[in-house]
Amino acid sequence: MQITYRDMFIVKDTLDKIWCLSLSPKLFIFLRRLAKNIEMELKTFEPERIKLFNRHSQFDVDNMFNTPTPETNGYNEFITDYNDVFSSTVDIQYTNVDIENTKTYIENSNIDIAGTIGNSLLNILEELNKLNNGSN
């Protein structure tokens, strides 16, 4: 499956929150492998991300990158560069997940926050299934 680095950060953020959910062992292992693959790709990507921020060091204040606003001088250049870097794609191994089965496991979870986190996971899995099927 082809996925952009921008989307991988979104998937990673969701996966980082789901480990408290009641998931089938098969899905849990599958998601752990997916998280590991994404983490490895993001580590490979990190030097490019740092180069991007170094090219736009005027937005670095006290070692904190302040994302420019449209009114900021250099905004258009930064956005163009950002889009070029973060829209790069990488191939990740992914097999479609049965959304209905996953939803059942999540609904049976005893965790109070299962609704919010579970819905985020379902949304991400649906989007990944679409990407894997070649549609968006």
C-alpha atoms as a PDB file:
ATOM      1  CA  MET A   1       0.000   0.000   0.000  1.00  0.00           C
ATOM      2  CA  GLN A   2       1.285   3.453  -0.898  1.00  0.00           C
ATOM      3  CA  ILE A   3       0.950   6.009   1.911  1.00  0.00           C
ATOM      4  CA  THR A   4       2.311   9.526   2.346  1.00  0.00           C
ATOM      5  CA  TYR A   5       4.523  10.463   5.252  1.00  0.00           C
ATOM      6  CA  ARG A   6       1.878  13.013   6.242  1.00  0.00           C
ATOM      7  CA  ASP A   7      -0.692  10.215   6.589  1.00  0.00           C
ATOM      8  CA  MET A   8       1.765   7.957   8.406  1.00  0.00           C
ATOM      9  CA  PHE A   9       2.073  10.516  11.206  1.00  0.00           C
ATOM     10  CA  ILE A  10      -1.727  10.491  11.584  1.00  0.00           C
ATOM     11  CA  VAL A  11      -1.855   6.685  11.644  1.00  0.00           C
ATOM     12  CA  LYS A  12       0.999   6.551  14.164  1.00  0.00           C
ATOM     13  CA  ASP A  13      -0.770   8.988  16.504  1.00  0.00           C
ATOM     14  CA  THR A  14      -3.890   6.829  16.463  1.00  0.00           C
ATOM     15  CA  LEU A  15      -2.008   3.568  16.920  1.00  0.00           C
ATOM     16  CA  ASP A  16      -0.159   5.029  19.907  1.00  0.00           C
ATOM     17  CA  LYS A  17      -3.519   5.412  21.699  1.00  0.00           C
ATOM     18  CA  ILE A  18      -5.208   2.081  21.006  1.00  0.00           C
ATOM     19  CA  TRP A  19      -3.256  -0.442  23.048  1.00  0.00           C
ATOM     20  CA  CYS A  20      -5.767  -0.268  25.914  1.00  0.00           C
ATOM     21  CA  LEU A  21      -8.619  -1.473  23.689  1.00  0.00           C
ATOM     22  CA  SER A  22      -9.991  -4.980  23.777  1.00  0.00           C
ATOM     23  CA  LEU A  23      -8.908  -6.330  20.397  1.00  0.00           C
ATOM     24  CA  SER A  24      -8.688  -9.819  19.004  1.00  0.00           C
ATOM     25  CA  PRO A  25      -5.192 -11.281  19.421  1.00  0.00           C
ATOM     26  CA  LYS A  26      -4.848 -11.526  15.630  1.00  0.00           C
ATOM     27  CA  LEU A  27      -5.735  -7.841  15.135  1.00  0.00           C
ATOM     28  CA  PHE A  28      -3.557  -6.768  18.059  1.00  0.00           C
ATOM     29  CA  ILE A  29      -0.497  -8.495  16.551  1.00  0.00           C
ATOM     30  CA  PHE A  30      -1.324  -7.143  13.089  1.00  0.00           C
ATOM     31  CA  LEU A  31      -1.555  -3.579  14.443  1.00  0.00           C
ATOM     32  CA  ARG A  32       1.677  -3.981  16.428  1.00  0.00           C
ATOM     33  CA  ARG A  33       3.467  -5.002  13.232  1.00  0.00           C
ATOM     34  CA  LEU A  34       1.914  -2.101  11.345  1.00  0.00           C
ATOM     35  CA  ALA A  35       2.974   0.318  14.095  1.00  0.00           C
ATOM     36  CA  LYS A  36       6.514  -1.083  14.017  1.00  0.00           C
ATOM     37  CA  ASN A  37       6.723  -0.725  10.214  1.00  0.00           C
ATOM     38  CA  ILE A  38       5.441   2.838  10.368  1.00  0.00           C
ATOM     39  CA  GLU A  39       7.866   3.682  13.166  1.00  0.00           C
ATOM     40  CA  MET A  40      10.796   2.357  11.104  1.00  0.00           C
ATOM     41  CA  GLU A  41       9.696   4.376   8.055  1.00  0.00           C
ATOM     42  CA  LEU A  42       9.334   7.534  10.132  1.00  0.00           C
ATOM     43  CA  LYS A  43      12.845   7.044  11.542  1.00  0.00           C
ATOM     44  CA  THR A  44      14.114   6.803   7.958  1.00  0.00           C
ATOM     45  CA  PHE A  45      12.159   9.963   7.122  1.00  0.00           C
ATOM     46  CA  GLU A  46      13.392  11.965  10.142  1.00  0.00           C
ATOM     47  CA  PRO A  47      16.556  13.393   8.468  1.00  0.00           C
ATOM     48  CA  GLU A  48      14.409  14.796   5.633  1.00  0.00           C
ATOM     49  CA  ARG A  49      12.020  16.349   8.125  1.00  0.00           C
ATOM     50  CA  ILE A  50      14.924  17.992   9.944  1.00  0.00           C
ATOM     51  CA  LYS A  51      16.367  19.278   6.647  1.00  0.00           C
ATOM     52  CA  LEU A  52      12.981  20.845   5.875  1.00  0.00           C
ATOM     53  CA  PHE A  53      12.952  22.712   9.182  1.00  0.00           C
ATOM     54  CA  ASN A  54      16.608  23.722   8.778  1.00  0.00           C
ATOM     55  CA  ARG A  55      15.833  25.193   5.334  1.00  0.00           C
ATOM     56  CA  HIS A  56      13.234  27.378   7.040  1.00  0.00           C
ATOM     57  CA  SER A  57      15.181  28.200  10.188  1.00  0.00           C
ATOM     58  CA  GLN A  58      13.701  31.702  10.311  1.00  0.00           C
ATOM     59  CA  PHE A  59      10.691  30.052  11.973  1.00  0.00           C
ATOM     60  CA  ASP A  60      12.833  28.416  14.674  1.00  0.00           C
ATOM     61  CA  VAL A  61      12.633  30.340  17.926  1.00  0.00           C
ATOM     62  CA  ASP A  62      14.421  29.002  21.010  1.00  0.00           C
ATOM     63  CA  ASN A  63      14.711  25.537  19.413  1.00  0.00           C
ATOM     64  CA  MET A  64      10.958  25.425  18.812  1.00  0.00           C
ATOM     65  CA  PHE A  65       9.643  25.486  15.253  1.00  0.00           C
ATOM     66  CA  ASN A  66       6.784  27.971  14.965  1.00  0.00           C
ATOM     67  CA  THR A  67       4.649  27.052  11.981  1.00  0.00           C
ATOM     68  CA  PRO A  68       4.198  30.200   9.910  1.00  0.00           C
ATOM     69  CA  THR A  69       0.807  31.724   9.280  1.00  0.00           C
ATOM     70  CA  PRO A  70      -0.323  32.901   5.822  1.00  0.00           C
ATOM     71  CA  GLU A  71       0.589  36.462   6.807  1.00  0.00           C
ATOM     72  CA  THR A  72       4.178  35.475   7.675  1.00  0.00           C
ATOM     73  CA  ASN A  73       7.004  36.302   5.271  1.00  0.00           C
ATOM     74  CA  GLY A  74       8.202  33.006   3.753  1.00  0.00           C
ATOM     75  CA  TYR A  75       4.923  31.168   4.373  1.00  0.00           C
ATOM     76  CA  ASN A  76       4.324  30.197   0.732  1.00  0.00           C
ATOM     77  CA  GLU A  77       7.855  28.864   0.324  1.00  0.00           C
ATOM     78  CA  PHE A  78       7.551  26.837   3.522  1.00  0.00           C
ATOM     79  CA  ILE A  79       4.155  25.357   2.562  1.00  0.00           C
ATOM     80  CA  THR A  80       5.405  24.394  -0.903  1.00  0.00           C
ATOM     81  CA  ASP A  81       8.502  22.749   0.571  1.00  0.00           C
ATOM     82  CA  TYR A  82       6.467  21.084   3.343  1.00  0.00           C
ATOM     83  CA  ASN A  83       3.988  19.644   0.838  1.00  0.00           C
ATOM     84  CA  ASP A  84       6.817  18.346  -1.356  1.00  0.00           C
ATOM     85  CA  VAL A  85       8.489  16.587   1.569  1.00  0.00           C
ATOM     86  CA  PHE A  86       5.440  15.243   3.407  1.00  0.00           C
ATOM     87  CA  SER A  87       3.566  14.120   0.292  1.00  0.00           C
ATOM     88  CA  SER A  88       6.341  11.669  -0.573  1.00  0.00           C
ATOM     89  CA  THR A  89       4.988   8.145  -0.523  1.00  0.00           C
ATOM     90  CA  VAL A  90       6.295   4.875   0.788  1.00  0.00           C
ATOM     91  CA  ASP A  91       5.104   1.321   0.351  1.00  0.00           C
ATOM     92  CA  ILE A  92       3.870  -0.284   3.593  1.00  0.00           C
ATOM     93  CA  GLN A  93       2.731  -3.878   3.860  1.00  0.00           C
ATOM     94  CA  TYR A  94      -0.956  -3.864   4.766  1.00  0.00           C
ATOM     95  CA  THR A  95      -3.819  -6.335   4.583  1.00  0.00           C
ATOM     96  CA  ASN A  96      -7.390  -5.060   4.790  1.00  0.00           C
ATOM     97  CA  VAL A  97      -9.045  -5.406   8.187  1.00  0.00           C
ATOM     98  CA  ASP A  98     -12.613  -6.580   8.792  1.00  0.00           C
ATOM     99  CA  ILE A  99     -14.126  -3.364  10.138  1.00  0.00           C
ATOM    100  CA  GLU A 100     -17.351  -4.904  11.489  1.00  0.00           C
ATOM    101  CA  ASN A 101     -15.487  -7.580  13.441  1.00  0.00           C
ATOM    102  CA  THR A 102     -13.128  -4.956  14.861  1.00  0.00           C
ATOM    103  CA  LYS A 103     -16.075  -2.745  15.808  1.00  0.00           C
ATOM    104  CA  THR A 104     -17.615  -5.626  17.780  1.00  0.00           C
ATOM    105  CA  TYR A 105     -14.411  -6.149  19.779  1.00  0.00           C
ATOM    106  CA  ILE A 106     -14.130  -2.439  20.518  1.00  0.00           C
ATOM    107  CA  GLU A 107     -17.760  -2.147  21.611  1.00  0.00           C
ATOM    108  CA  ASN A 108     -17.177  -4.997  24.063  1.00  0.00           C
ATOM    109  CA  SER A 109     -14.152  -3.266  25.576  1.00  0.00           C
ATOM    110  CA  ASN A 110     -14.395  -2.390  29.268  1.00  0.00           C
ATOM    111  CA  ILE A 111     -12.332   0.767  28.847  1.00  0.00           C
ATOM    112  CA  ASP A 112     -14.282   4.004  29.410  1.00  0.00           C
ATOM    113  CA  ILE A 113     -12.499   5.799  26.560  1.00  0.00           C
ATOM    114  CA  ALA A 114     -13.043   2.951  24.117  1.00  0.00           C
ATOM    115  CA  GLY A 115     -15.626   4.978  22.210  1.00  0.00           C
ATOM    116  CA  THR A 116     -13.327   7.841  21.279  1.00  0.00           C
ATOM    117  CA  ILE A 117     -10.205   5.780  20.692  1.00  0.00           C
ATOM    118  CA  GLY A 118     -12.166   2.972  19.080  1.00  0.00           C
ATOM    119  CA  ASN A 119     -13.816   5.339  16.622  1.00  0.00           C
ATOM    120  CA  SER A 120     -10.427   6.818  15.743  1.00  0.00           C
ATOM    121  CA  LEU A 121      -9.062   3.334  15.104  1.00  0.00           C
ATOM    122  CA  LEU A 122     -12.052   2.366  12.966  1.00  0.00           C
ATOM    123  CA  ASN A 123     -11.721   5.561  10.921  1.00  0.00           C
ATOM    124  CA  ILE A 124      -8.009   4.962  10.356  1.00  0.00           C
ATOM    125  CA  LEU A 125      -8.578   1.315   9.404  1.00  0.00           C
ATOM    126  CA  GLU A 126     -11.313   2.298   6.947  1.00  0.00           C
ATOM    127  CA  GLU A 127      -8.971   4.830   5.319  1.00  0.00           C
ATOM    128  CA  LEU A 128      -6.130   2.305   5.181  1.00  0.00           C
ATOM    129  CA  ASN A 129      -8.460  -0.262   3.604  1.00  0.00           C
ATOM    130  CA  LYS A 130      -9.391   2.323   0.959  1.00  0.00           C
ATOM    131  CA  LEU A 131      -5.737   3.159   0.302  1.00  0.00           C
ATOM    132  CA  ASN A 132      -4.925  -0.512   0.038  1.00  0.00           C
ATOM    133  CA  ASN A 133      -7.758  -0.967  -2.477  1.00  0.00           C
ATOM    134  CA  GLY A 134      -6.330   1.883  -4.553  1.00  0.00           C
ATOM    135  CA  SER A 135      -9.062   4.420  -3.843  1.00  0.00           C
ATOM    136  CA  ASN A 136      -9.065   7.451  -1.620  1.00  0.00           C
END
